[in-house]
Amino acid sequence: MADNGPILVTGAAGQLGAVGRTVCGLLLDRGLPVRAMVRREDDRAAALRAVGAEVVVGDLLEPADVYRVVSGCRRVYFGMSVSAGYLEATVTMAVSPGKSGWTPWSTCRR
């Protein structure tokens, strides 16, 4: 685990409800490094990059993408709209710690 690595926020573009985008903003306001996972490059991704987030494009249903984006992260904020692939994405994220080194059972320090 990278103690000073970024905090990964999935669903960062915030297509529905903007929860991921809000989490990114709160973390960046605290001076924490943020890796924002988005599904595609668009204006929302550019806006995240403009406020200081490291933006990565990936698909939560693709294990290789998940492993790539969590590698080096110290924490993960997993958020995804409930959809047909929600359970699969949740399982993929849950098994990624063993491969990438982030710790799922710890909390962000205030």
PDB file of N, CA and C in Angstrom:
ATOM      1  N   MET A   1       0.841  -1.183   0.000  1.00  0.00           N
ATOM      2  CA  MET A   1       0.000   0.000   0.000  1.00  0.00           C
ATOM      3  C   MET A   1       0.882   1.240   0.000  1.00  0.00           C
ATOM      4  N   ALA A   2       0.510   2.208  -0.762  1.00  0.00           N
ATOM      5  CA  ALA A   2       1.223   3.478  -0.813  1.00  0.00           C
ATOM      6  C   ALA A   2       0.617   4.423   0.213  1.00  0.00           C
ATOM      7  N   ASP A   3       1.353   4.681   1.308  1.00  0.00           N
ATOM      8  CA  ASP A   3       0.820   5.550   2.362  1.00  0.00           C
ATOM      9  C   ASP A   3       0.576   6.972   1.884  1.00  0.00           C
ATOM     10  N   ASN A   4       1.333   7.403   0.902  1.00  0.00           N
ATOM     11  CA  ASN A   4       1.144   8.758   0.396  1.00  0.00           C
ATOM     12  C   ASN A   4       0.551   8.759  -1.011  1.00  0.00           C
ATOM     13  N   GLY A   5       0.069   7.604  -1.459  1.00  0.00           N
ATOM     14  CA  GLY A   5      -0.537   7.505  -2.777  1.00  0.00           C
ATOM     15  C   GLY A   5      -1.876   8.213  -2.821  1.00  0.00           C
ATOM     16  N   PRO A   6      -2.429   8.294  -3.999  1.00  0.00           N
ATOM     17  CA  PRO A   6      -3.710   8.984  -4.145  1.00  0.00           C
ATOM     18  C   PRO A   6      -4.871   8.171  -3.591  1.00  0.00           C
ATOM     19  N   ILE A   7      -5.978   8.837  -3.412  1.00  0.00           N
ATOM     20  CA  ILE A   7      -7.232   8.196  -3.041  1.00  0.00           C
ATOM     21  C   ILE A   7      -8.036   8.067  -4.324  1.00  0.00           C
ATOM     22  N   LEU A   8      -8.376   6.836  -4.674  1.00  0.00           N
ATOM     23  CA  LEU A   8      -9.147   6.595  -5.883  1.00  0.00           C
ATOM     24  C   LEU A   8     -10.621   6.858  -5.613  1.00  0.00           C
ATOM     25  N   VAL A   9     -11.243   7.621  -6.492  1.00  0.00           N
ATOM     26  CA  VAL A   9     -12.682   7.855  -6.421  1.00  0.00           C
ATOM     27  C   VAL A   9     -13.272   7.346  -7.728  1.00  0.00           C
ATOM     28  N   THR A  10     -14.106   6.296  -7.634  1.00  0.00           N
ATOM     29  CA  THR A  10     -14.770   5.799  -8.832  1.00  0.00           C
ATOM     30  C   THR A  10     -16.048   6.600  -9.050  1.00  0.00           C
ATOM     31  N   GLY A  11     -16.531   6.593 -10.272  1.00  0.00           N
ATOM     32  CA  GLY A  11     -17.730   7.378 -10.567  1.00  0.00           C
ATOM     33  C   GLY A  11     -17.498   8.858 -10.383  1.00  0.00           C
ATOM     34  N   ALA A  12     -16.262   9.279 -10.603  1.00  0.00           N
ATOM     35  CA  ALA A  12     -15.878  10.658 -10.291  1.00  0.00           C
ATOM     36  C   ALA A  12     -16.530  11.696 -11.192  1.00  0.00           C
ATOM     37  N   ALA A  13     -16.930  11.303 -12.376  1.00  0.00           N
ATOM     38  CA  ALA A  13     -17.565  12.271 -13.278  1.00  0.00           C
ATOM     39  C   ALA A  13     -18.958  12.639 -12.789  1.00  0.00           C
ATOM     40  N   GLY A  14     -19.559  11.775 -11.991  1.00  0.00           N
ATOM     41  CA  GLY A  14     -20.822  12.103 -11.359  1.00  0.00           C
ATOM     42  C   GLY A  14     -21.991  12.252 -12.299  1.00  0.00           C
ATOM     43  N   GLN A  15     -22.169  11.270 -13.187  1.00  0.00           N
ATOM     44  CA  GLN A  15     -23.285  11.350 -14.133  1.00  0.00           C
ATOM     45  C   GLN A  15     -24.628  11.403 -13.421  1.00  0.00           C
ATOM     46  N   LEU A  16     -24.786  10.617 -12.358  1.00  0.00           N
ATOM     47  CA  LEU A  16     -26.038  10.616 -11.594  1.00  0.00           C
ATOM     48  C   LEU A  16     -25.761  11.073 -10.172  1.00  0.00           C
ATOM     49  N   GLY A  17     -26.291  12.195  -9.796  1.00  0.00           N
ATOM     50  CA  GLY A  17     -26.196  12.649  -8.418  1.00  0.00           C
ATOM     51  C   GLY A  17     -24.934  13.379  -8.030  1.00  0.00           C
ATOM     52  N   ALA A  18     -23.885  13.245  -8.797  1.00  0.00           N
ATOM     53  CA  ALA A  18     -22.620  13.949  -8.561  1.00  0.00           C
ATOM     54  C   ALA A  18     -21.945  13.596  -7.242  1.00  0.00           C
ATOM     55  N   VAL A  19     -22.210  12.414  -6.691  1.00  0.00           N
ATOM     56  CA  VAL A  19     -21.588  12.026  -5.430  1.00  0.00           C
ATOM     57  C   VAL A  19     -20.077  11.912  -5.587  1.00  0.00           C
ATOM     58  N   GLY A  20     -19.627  11.195  -6.622  1.00  0.00           N
ATOM     59  CA  GLY A  20     -18.188  11.031  -6.840  1.00  0.00           C
ATOM     60  C   GLY A  20     -17.487  12.357  -7.066  1.00  0.00           C
ATOM     61  N   ARG A  21     -18.104  13.231  -7.813  1.00  0.00           N
ATOM     62  CA  ARG A  21     -17.528  14.548  -8.069  1.00  0.00           C
ATOM     63  C   ARG A  21     -17.429  15.348  -6.768  1.00  0.00           C
ATOM     64  N   THR A  22     -18.437  15.236  -5.930  1.00  0.00           N
ATOM     65  CA  THR A  22     -18.427  15.925  -4.636  1.00  0.00           C
ATOM     66  C   THR A  22     -17.335  15.378  -3.724  1.00  0.00           C
ATOM     67  N   VAL A  23     -17.186  14.052  -3.695  1.00  0.00           N
ATOM     68  CA  VAL A  23     -16.132  13.425  -2.883  1.00  0.00           C
ATOM     69  C   VAL A  23     -14.761  13.914  -3.359  1.00  0.00           C
ATOM     70  N   CYS A  24     -14.553  13.959  -4.671  1.00  0.00           N
ATOM     71  CA  CYS A  24     -13.283  14.466  -5.208  1.00  0.00           C
ATOM     72  C   CYS A  24     -13.015  15.875  -4.698  1.00  0.00           C
ATOM     73  N   GLY A  25     -14.015  16.730  -4.776  1.00  0.00           N
ATOM     74  CA  GLY A  25     -13.853  18.106  -4.319  1.00  0.00           C
ATOM     75  C   GLY A  25     -13.517  18.207  -2.847  1.00  0.00           C
ATOM     76  N   LEU A  26     -14.185  17.415  -2.027  1.00  0.00           N
ATOM     77  CA  LEU A  26     -13.921  17.438  -0.583  1.00  0.00           C
ATOM     78  C   LEU A  26     -12.503  16.973  -0.268  1.00  0.00           C
ATOM     79  N   LEU A  27     -12.051  15.921  -0.941  1.00  0.00           N
ATOM     80  CA  LEU A  27     -10.689  15.421  -0.719  1.00  0.00           C
ATOM     81  C   LEU A  27      -9.650  16.433  -1.196  1.00  0.00           C
ATOM     82  N   LEU A  28      -9.859  16.986  -2.380  1.00  0.00           N
ATOM     83  CA  LEU A  28      -8.916  17.980  -2.900  1.00  0.00           C
ATOM     84  C   LEU A  28      -8.875  19.222  -2.010  1.00  0.00           C
ATOM     85  N   ASP A  29     -10.027  19.624  -1.465  1.00  0.00           N
ATOM     86  CA  ASP A  29     -10.063  20.773  -0.546  1.00  0.00           C
ATOM     87  C   ASP A  29      -9.221  20.527   0.696  1.00  0.00           C
ATOM     88  N   ARG A  30      -9.071  19.268   1.082  1.00  0.00           N
ATOM     89  CA  ARG A  30      -8.246  18.910   2.247  1.00  0.00           C
ATOM     90  C   ARG A  30      -6.779  18.731   1.875  1.00  0.00           C
ATOM     91  N   GLY A  31      -6.470  18.930   0.605  1.00  0.00           N
ATOM     92  CA  GLY A  31      -5.085  18.802   0.166  1.00  0.00           C
ATOM     93  C   GLY A  31      -4.644  17.377  -0.100  1.00  0.00           C
ATOM     94  N   LEU A  32      -5.598  16.472  -0.236  1.00  0.00           N
ATOM     95  CA  LEU A  32      -5.267  15.071  -0.469  1.00  0.00           C
ATOM     96  C   LEU A  32      -5.187  14.780  -1.969  1.00  0.00           C
ATOM     97  N   PRO A  33      -4.259  13.919  -2.375  1.00  0.00           N
ATOM     98  CA  PRO A  33      -4.159  13.579  -3.794  1.00  0.00           C
ATOM     99  C   PRO A  33      -5.312  12.670  -4.205  1.00  0.00           C
ATOM    100  N   VAL A  34      -5.927  12.970  -5.340  1.00  0.00           N
ATOM    101  CA  VAL A  34      -7.100  12.236  -5.807  1.00  0.00           C
ATOM    102  C   VAL A  34      -6.832  11.668  -7.196  1.00  0.00           C
ATOM    103  N   ARG A  35      -7.139  10.384  -7.352  1.00  0.00           N
ATOM    104  CA  ARG A  35      -7.172   9.742  -8.667  1.00  0.00           C
ATOM    105  C   ARG A  35      -8.643   9.523  -8.992  1.00  0.00           C
ATOM    106  N   ALA A  36      -9.130  10.233  -9.978  1.00  0.00           N
ATOM    107  CA  ALA A  36     -10.549  10.202 -10.338  1.00  0.00           C
ATOM    108  C   ALA A  36     -10.764   9.238 -11.501  1.00  0.00           C
ATOM    109  N   MET A  37     -11.530   8.182 -11.258  1.00  0.00           N
ATOM    110  CA  MET A  37     -11.819   7.217 -12.321  1.00  0.00           C
ATOM    111  C   MET A  37     -13.101   7.615 -13.036  1.00  0.00           C
ATOM    112  N   VAL A  38     -12.984   7.732 -14.360  1.00  0.00           N
ATOM    113  CA  VAL A  38     -14.127   8.087 -15.198  1.00  0.00           C
ATOM    114  C   VAL A  38     -14.242   7.050 -16.314  1.00  0.00           C
ATOM    115  N   ARG A  39     -15.399   6.977 -16.929  1.00  0.00           N
ATOM    116  CA  ARG A  39     -15.611   6.005 -18.008  1.00  0.00           C
ATOM    117  C   ARG A  39     -15.121   6.507 -19.354  1.00  0.00           C
ATOM    118  N   ARG A  40     -15.027   7.823 -19.512  1.00  0.00           N
ATOM    119  CA  ARG A  40     -14.576   8.376 -20.796  1.00  0.00           C
ATOM    120  C   ARG A  40     -14.053   9.799 -20.605  1.00  0.00           C
ATOM    121  N   GLU A  41     -13.225  10.191 -21.550  1.00  0.00           N
ATOM    122  CA  GLU A  41     -12.737  11.573 -21.579  1.00  0.00           C
ATOM    123  C   GLU A  41     -13.858  12.462 -22.101  1.00  0.00           C
ATOM    124  N   ASP A  42     -14.224  13.446 -21.326  1.00  0.00           N
ATOM    125  CA  ASP A  42     -15.230  14.406 -21.749  1.00  0.00           C
ATOM    126  C   ASP A  42     -15.033  15.683 -20.943  1.00  0.00           C
ATOM    127  N   ASP A  43     -15.984  16.599 -21.018  1.00  0.00           N
ATOM    128  CA  ASP A  43     -15.857  17.867 -20.299  1.00  0.00           C
ATOM    129  C   ASP A  43     -15.779  17.670 -18.789  1.00  0.00           C
ATOM    130  N   ARG A  44     -16.487  16.660 -18.275  1.00  0.00           N
ATOM    131  CA  ARG A  44     -16.457  16.407 -16.824  1.00  0.00           C
ATOM    132  C   ARG A  44     -15.076  15.936 -16.392  1.00  0.00           C
ATOM    133  N   ALA A  45     -14.443  15.094 -17.206  1.00  0.00           N
ATOM    134  CA  ALA A  45     -13.083  14.642 -16.906  1.00  0.00           C
ATOM    135  C   ALA A  45     -12.116  15.825 -16.937  1.00  0.00           C
ATOM    136  N   ALA A  46     -12.279  16.687 -17.929  1.00  0.00           N
ATOM    137  CA  ALA A  46     -11.423  17.877 -18.029  1.00  0.00           C
ATOM    138  C   ALA A  46     -11.606  18.793 -16.812  1.00  0.00           C
ATOM    139  N   ALA A  47     -12.837  18.910 -16.332  1.00  0.00           N
ATOM    140  CA  ALA A  47     -13.097  19.754 -15.154  1.00  0.00           C
ATOM    141  C   ALA A  47     -12.419  19.178 -13.911  1.00  0.00           C
ATOM    142  N   LEU A  48     -12.441  17.856 -13.768  1.00  0.00           N
ATOM    143  CA  LEU A  48     -11.760  17.222 -12.631  1.00  0.00           C
ATOM    144  C   LEU A  48     -10.258  17.463 -12.708  1.00  0.00           C
ATOM    145  N   ARG A  49      -9.707  17.331 -13.886  1.00  0.00           N
ATOM    146  CA  ARG A  49      -8.281  17.563 -14.090  1.00  0.00           C
ATOM    147  C   ARG A  49      -7.939  19.022 -13.768  1.00  0.00           C
ATOM    148  N   ALA A  50      -8.805  19.947 -14.158  1.00  0.00           N
ATOM    149  CA  ALA A  50      -8.555  21.375 -13.934  1.00  0.00           C
ATOM    150  C   ALA A  50      -8.500  21.743 -12.455  1.00  0.00           C
ATOM    151  N   VAL A  51      -9.190  20.972 -11.595  1.00  0.00           N
ATOM    152  CA  VAL A  51      -9.162  21.281 -10.159  1.00  0.00           C
ATOM    153  C   VAL A  51      -8.101  20.474  -9.416  1.00  0.00           C
ATOM    154  N   GLY A  52      -7.304  19.694 -10.157  1.00  0.00           N
ATOM    155  CA  GLY A  52      -6.166  19.037  -9.525  1.00  0.00           C
ATOM    156  C   GLY A  52      -6.233  17.533  -9.384  1.00  0.00           C
ATOM    157  N   ALA A  53      -7.274  16.899  -9.884  1.00  0.00           N
ATOM    158  CA  ALA A  53      -7.354  15.443  -9.790  1.00  0.00           C
ATOM    159  C   ALA A  53      -6.558  14.797 -10.913  1.00  0.00           C
ATOM    160  N   GLU A  54      -5.984  13.655 -10.613  1.00  0.00           N
ATOM    161  CA  GLU A  54      -5.387  12.813 -11.641  1.00  0.00           C
ATOM    162  C   GLU A  54      -6.549  12.019 -12.235  1.00  0.00           C
ATOM    163  N   VAL A  55      -6.828  12.164 -13.484  1.00  0.00           N
ATOM    164  CA  VAL A  55      -7.969  11.500 -14.108  1.00  0.00           C
ATOM    165  C   VAL A  55      -7.491  10.256 -14.858  1.00  0.00           C
ATOM    166  N   VAL A  56      -8.165   9.135 -14.597  1.00  0.00           N
ATOM    167  CA  VAL A  56      -7.883   7.882 -15.296  1.00  0.00           C
ATOM    168  C   VAL A  56      -9.181   7.365 -15.891  1.00  0.00           C
ATOM    169  N   VAL A  57      -9.100   6.843 -17.093  1.00  0.00           N
ATOM    170  CA  VAL A  57     -10.268   6.299 -17.772  1.00  0.00           C
ATOM    171  C   VAL A  57     -10.251   4.795 -17.586  1.00  0.00           C
ATOM    172  N   GLY A  58     -11.400   4.236 -17.201  1.00  0.00           N
ATOM    173  CA  GLY A  58     -11.486   2.796 -17.012  1.00  0.00           C
ATOM    174  C   GLY A  58     -12.919   2.345 -16.866  1.00  0.00           C
ATOM    175  N   ASP A  59     -13.074   1.036 -16.889  1.00  0.00           N
ATOM    176  CA  ASP A  59     -14.384   0.395 -16.794  1.00  0.00           C
ATOM    177  C   ASP A  59     -14.378  -0.514 -15.574  1.00  0.00           C
ATOM    178  N   LEU A  60     -15.291  -0.280 -14.648  1.00  0.00           N
ATOM    179  CA  LEU A  60     -15.360  -1.088 -13.426  1.00  0.00           C
ATOM    180  C   LEU A  60     -15.704  -2.555 -13.693  1.00  0.00           C
ATOM    181  N   LEU A  61     -16.157  -2.864 -14.887  1.00  0.00           N
ATOM    182  CA  LEU A  61     -16.470  -4.246 -15.235  1.00  0.00           C
ATOM    183  C   LEU A  61     -15.287  -4.959 -15.877  1.00  0.00           C
ATOM    184  N   GLU A  62     -14.180  -4.265 -16.038  1.00  0.00           N
ATOM    185  CA  GLU A  62     -12.970  -4.845 -16.609  1.00  0.00           C
ATOM    186  C   GLU A  62     -11.906  -4.984 -15.518  1.00  0.00           C
ATOM    187  N   PRO A  63     -11.658  -6.220 -15.048  1.00  0.00           N
ATOM    188  CA  PRO A  63     -10.679  -6.410 -13.970  1.00  0.00           C
ATOM    189  C   PRO A  63      -9.311  -5.783 -14.250  1.00  0.00           C
ATOM    190  N   ALA A  64      -8.841  -5.835 -15.478  1.00  0.00           N
ATOM    191  CA  ALA A  64      -7.539  -5.229 -15.790  1.00  0.00           C
ATOM    192  C   ALA A  64      -7.571  -3.717 -15.572  1.00  0.00           C
ATOM    193  N   ASP A  65      -8.673  -3.074 -15.925  1.00  0.00           N
ATOM    194  CA  ASP A  65      -8.812  -1.630 -15.694  1.00  0.00           C
ATOM    195  C   ASP A  65      -8.813  -1.328 -14.198  1.00  0.00           C
ATOM    196  N   VAL A  66      -9.566  -2.115 -13.442  1.00  0.00           N
ATOM    197  CA  VAL A  66      -9.662  -1.885 -11.996  1.00  0.00           C
ATOM    198  C   VAL A  66      -8.289  -2.037 -11.354  1.00  0.00           C
ATOM    199  N   TYR A  67      -7.576  -3.105 -11.675  1.00  0.00           N
ATOM    200  CA  TYR A  67      -6.243  -3.313 -11.113  1.00  0.00           C
ATOM    201  C   TYR A  67      -5.314  -2.151 -11.464  1.00  0.00           C
ATOM    202  N   ARG A  68      -5.371  -1.708 -12.722  1.00  0.00           N
ATOM    203  CA  ARG A  68      -4.506  -0.619 -13.178  1.00  0.00           C
ATOM    204  C   ARG A  68      -4.783   0.667 -12.403  1.00  0.00           C
ATOM    205  N   VAL A  69      -6.036   1.003 -12.199  1.00  0.00           N
ATOM    206  CA  VAL A  69      -6.340   2.286 -11.560  1.00  0.00           C
ATOM    207  C   VAL A  69      -6.185   2.248 -10.040  1.00  0.00           C
ATOM    208  N   VAL A  70      -6.322   1.081  -9.401  1.00  0.00           N
ATOM    209  CA  VAL A  70      -6.140   1.036  -7.940  1.00  0.00           C
ATOM    210  C   VAL A  70      -4.674   0.897  -7.540  1.00  0.00           C
ATOM    211  N   SER A  71      -3.829   0.439  -8.472  1.00  0.00           N
ATOM    212  CA  SER A  71      -2.411   0.244  -8.142  1.00  0.00           C
ATOM    213  C   SER A  71      -1.787   1.541  -7.655  1.00  0.00           C
ATOM    214  N   GLY A  72      -1.179   1.458  -6.489  1.00  0.00           N
ATOM    215  CA  GLY A  72      -0.521   2.615  -5.899  1.00  0.00           C
ATOM    216  C   GLY A  72      -1.408   3.494  -5.044  1.00  0.00           C
ATOM    217  N   CYS A  73      -2.703   3.195  -4.995  1.00  0.00           N
ATOM    218  CA  CYS A  73      -3.627   4.012  -4.190  1.00  0.00           C
ATOM    219  C   CYS A  73      -3.585   3.595  -2.725  1.00  0.00           C
ATOM    220  N   ARG A  74      -3.803   4.552  -1.866  1.00  0.00           N
ATOM    221  CA  ARG A  74      -3.844   4.241  -0.433  1.00  0.00           C
ATOM    222  C   ARG A  74      -5.248   3.930   0.043  1.00  0.00           C
ATOM    223  N   ARG A  75      -6.244   4.470  -0.635  1.00  0.00           N
ATOM    224  CA  ARG A  75      -7.641   4.257  -0.277  1.00  0.00           C
ATOM    225  C   ARG A  75      -8.472   4.270  -1.551  1.00  0.00           C
ATOM    226  N   VAL A  76      -9.682   3.729  -1.429  1.00  0.00           N
ATOM    227  CA  VAL A  76     -10.608   3.726  -2.559  1.00  0.00           C
ATOM    228  C   VAL A  76     -11.987   4.134  -2.058  1.00  0.00           C
ATOM    229  N   TYR A  77     -12.594   5.085  -2.756  1.00  0.00           N
ATOM    230  CA  TYR A  77     -13.997   5.407  -2.528  1.00  0.00           C
ATOM    231  C   TYR A  77     -14.738   4.813  -3.717  1.00  0.00           C
ATOM    232  N   PHE A  78     -15.480   3.734  -3.476  1.00  0.00           N
ATOM    233  CA  PHE A  78     -16.194   3.044  -4.542  1.00  0.00           C
ATOM    234  C   PHE A  78     -17.624   3.541  -4.605  1.00  0.00           C
ATOM    235  N   GLY A  79     -17.961   4.116  -5.726  1.00  0.00           N
ATOM    236  CA  GLY A  79     -19.322   4.565  -5.950  1.00  0.00           C
ATOM    237  C   GLY A  79     -19.703   4.248  -7.384  1.00  0.00           C
ATOM    238  N   MET A  80     -20.877   3.698  -7.537  1.00  0.00           N
ATOM    239  CA  MET A  80     -21.356   3.345  -8.874  1.00  0.00           C
ATOM    240  C   MET A  80     -22.875   3.336  -8.838  1.00  0.00           C
ATOM    241  N   SER A  81     -23.476   3.789  -9.917  1.00  0.00           N
ATOM    242  CA  SER A  81     -24.933   3.737 -10.007  1.00  0.00           C
ATOM    243  C   SER A  81     -25.395   2.292 -10.012  1.00  0.00           C
ATOM    244  N   VAL A  82     -26.499   2.022  -9.354  1.00  0.00           N
ATOM    245  CA  VAL A  82     -27.046   0.669  -9.365  1.00  0.00           C
ATOM    246  C   VAL A  82     -27.434   0.342 -10.803  1.00  0.00           C
ATOM    247  N   SER A  83     -26.889  -0.756 -11.302  1.00  0.00           N
ATOM    248  CA  SER A  83     -27.117  -1.151 -12.686  1.00  0.00           C
ATOM    249  C   SER A  83     -26.938  -2.665 -12.785  1.00  0.00           C
ATOM    250  N   ALA A  84     -27.109  -3.190 -13.978  1.00  0.00           N
ATOM    251  CA  ALA A  84     -26.966  -4.633 -14.188  1.00  0.00           C
ATOM    252  C   ALA A  84     -25.572  -5.130 -13.801  1.00  0.00           C
ATOM    253  N   GLY A  85     -24.550  -4.304 -13.956  1.00  0.00           N
ATOM    254  CA  GLY A  85     -23.192  -4.716 -13.645  1.00  0.00           C
ATOM    255  C   GLY A  85     -22.715  -4.358 -12.258  1.00  0.00           C
ATOM    256  N   TYR A  86     -23.596  -3.835 -11.412  1.00  0.00           N
ATOM    257  CA  TYR A  86     -23.179  -3.353 -10.092  1.00  0.00           C
ATOM    258  C   TYR A  86     -22.530  -4.437  -9.242  1.00  0.00           C
ATOM    259  N   LEU A  87     -23.148  -5.603  -9.162  1.00  0.00           N
ATOM    260  CA  LEU A  87     -22.600  -6.680  -8.331  1.00  0.00           C
ATOM    261  C   LEU A  87     -21.242  -7.122  -8.857  1.00  0.00           C
ATOM    262  N   GLU A  88     -21.133  -7.275 -10.165  1.00  0.00           N
ATOM    263  CA  GLU A  88     -19.856  -7.685 -10.760  1.00  0.00           C
ATOM    264  C   GLU A  88     -18.762  -6.656 -10.471  1.00  0.00           C
ATOM    265  N   ALA A  89     -19.071  -5.392 -10.618  1.00  0.00           N
ATOM    266  CA  ALA A  89     -18.092  -4.338 -10.350  1.00  0.00           C
ATOM    267  C   ALA A  89     -17.691  -4.326  -8.876  1.00  0.00           C
ATOM    268  N   THR A  90     -18.642  -4.537  -7.999  1.00  0.00           N
ATOM    269  CA  THR A  90     -18.358  -4.561  -6.558  1.00  0.00           C
ATOM    270  C   THR A  90     -17.419  -5.705  -6.215  1.00  0.00           C
ATOM    271  N   VAL A  91     -17.673  -6.876  -6.772  1.00  0.00           N
ATOM    272  CA  VAL A  91     -16.813  -8.035  -6.518  1.00  0.00           C
ATOM    273  C   VAL A  91     -15.414  -7.788  -7.082  1.00  0.00           C
ATOM    274  N   THR A  92     -15.345  -7.246  -8.283  1.00  0.00           N
ATOM    275  CA  THR A  92     -14.041  -6.955  -8.894  1.00  0.00           C
ATOM    276  C   THR A  92     -13.247  -5.999  -8.019  1.00  0.00           C
ATOM    277  N   MET A  93     -13.881  -4.963  -7.519  1.00  0.00           N
ATOM    278  CA  MET A  93     -13.194  -4.017  -6.650  1.00  0.00           C
ATOM    279  C   MET A  93     -12.789  -4.677  -5.327  1.00  0.00           C
ATOM    280  N   ALA A  94     -13.654  -5.540  -4.813  1.00  0.00           N
ATOM    281  CA  ALA A  94     -13.380  -6.180  -3.523  1.00  0.00           C
ATOM    282  C   ALA A  94     -12.176  -7.119  -3.586  1.00  0.00           C
ATOM    283  N   VAL A  95     -11.918  -7.735  -4.720  1.00  0.00           N
ATOM    284  CA  VAL A  95     -10.781  -8.654  -4.807  1.00  0.00           C
ATOM    285  C   VAL A  95      -9.503  -7.952  -5.241  1.00  0.00           C
ATOM    286  N   SER A  96      -9.584  -6.710  -5.659  1.00  0.00           N
ATOM    287  CA  SER A  96      -8.392  -6.010  -6.135  1.00  0.00           C
ATOM    288  C   SER A  96      -7.359  -5.714  -5.048  1.00  0.00           C
ATOM    289  N   PRO A  97      -7.696  -5.605  -3.762  1.00  0.00           N
ATOM    290  CA  PRO A  97      -6.660  -5.298  -2.776  1.00  0.00           C
ATOM    291  C   PRO A  97      -5.537  -6.320  -2.744  1.00  0.00           C
ATOM    292  N   GLY A  98      -5.865  -7.582  -2.881  1.00  0.00           N
ATOM    293  CA  GLY A  98      -4.834  -8.606  -2.845  1.00  0.00           C
ATOM    294  C   GLY A  98      -3.840  -8.469  -3.968  1.00  0.00           C
ATOM    295  N   LYS A  99      -4.243  -7.869  -5.058  1.00  0.00           N
ATOM    296  CA  LYS A  99      -3.361  -7.719  -6.210  1.00  0.00           C
ATOM    297  C   LYS A  99      -2.645  -6.374  -6.238  1.00  0.00           C
ATOM    298  N   SER A 100      -3.252  -5.358  -5.667  1.00  0.00           N
ATOM    299  CA  SER A 100      -2.677  -4.025  -5.830  1.00  0.00           C
ATOM    300  C   SER A 100      -2.141  -3.412  -4.553  1.00  0.00           C
ATOM    301  N   GLY A 101      -2.532  -3.920  -3.393  1.00  0.00           N
ATOM    302  CA  GLY A 101      -1.959  -3.461  -2.142  1.00  0.00           C
ATOM    303  C   GLY A 101      -2.722  -2.424  -1.360  1.00  0.00           C
ATOM    304  N   TRP A 102      -3.830  -1.900  -1.875  1.00  0.00           N
ATOM    305  CA  TRP A 102      -4.579  -0.939  -1.061  1.00  0.00           C
ATOM    306  C   TRP A 102      -5.329  -1.694   0.025  1.00  0.00           C
ATOM    307  N   THR A 103      -5.679  -1.000   1.086  1.00  0.00           N
ATOM    308  CA  THR A 103      -6.302  -1.620   2.244  1.00  0.00           C
ATOM    309  C   THR A 103      -7.766  -1.230   2.326  1.00  0.00           C
ATOM    310  N   PRO A 104      -8.692  -2.187   2.121  1.00  0.00           N
ATOM    311  CA  PRO A 104     -10.094  -1.812   2.085  1.00  0.00           C
ATOM    312  C   PRO A 104     -10.734  -1.546   3.428  1.00  0.00           C
ATOM    313  N   TRP A 105     -10.129  -1.967   4.496  1.00  0.00           N
ATOM    314  CA  TRP A 105     -10.805  -1.882   5.792  1.00  0.00           C
ATOM    315  C   TRP A 105     -10.299  -0.758   6.663  1.00  0.00           C
ATOM    316  N   SER A 106      -9.620   0.189   6.085  1.00  0.00           N
ATOM    317  CA  SER A 106      -9.158   1.331   6.867  1.00  0.00           C
ATOM    318  C   SER A 106      -9.939   2.578   6.464  1.00  0.00           C
ATOM    319  N   THR A 107      -9.828   3.588   7.260  1.00  0.00           N
ATOM    320  CA  THR A 107     -10.572   4.822   6.984  1.00  0.00           C
ATOM    321  C   THR A 107      -9.611   5.955   6.712  1.00  0.00           C
ATOM    322  N   CYS A 108     -10.087   6.946   6.012  1.00  0.00           N
ATOM    323  CA  CYS A 108      -9.276   8.142   5.747  1.00  0.00           C
ATOM    324  C   CYS A 108      -9.148   8.945   7.031  1.00  0.00           C
ATOM    325  N   ARG A 109      -7.963   9.411   7.294  1.00  0.00           N
ATOM    326  CA  ARG A 109      -7.752  10.251   8.480  1.00  0.00           C
ATOM    327  C   ARG A 109      -8.288  11.646   8.212  1.00  0.00           C
ATOM    328  N   ARG A 110      -8.837  12.243   9.232  1.00  0.00           N
ATOM    329  CA  ARG A 110      -9.362  13.622   9.102  1.00  0.00           C
ATOM    330  C   ARG A 110      -8.286  14.620   9.291  1.00  0.00           C
TER     331      ARG A 110
END
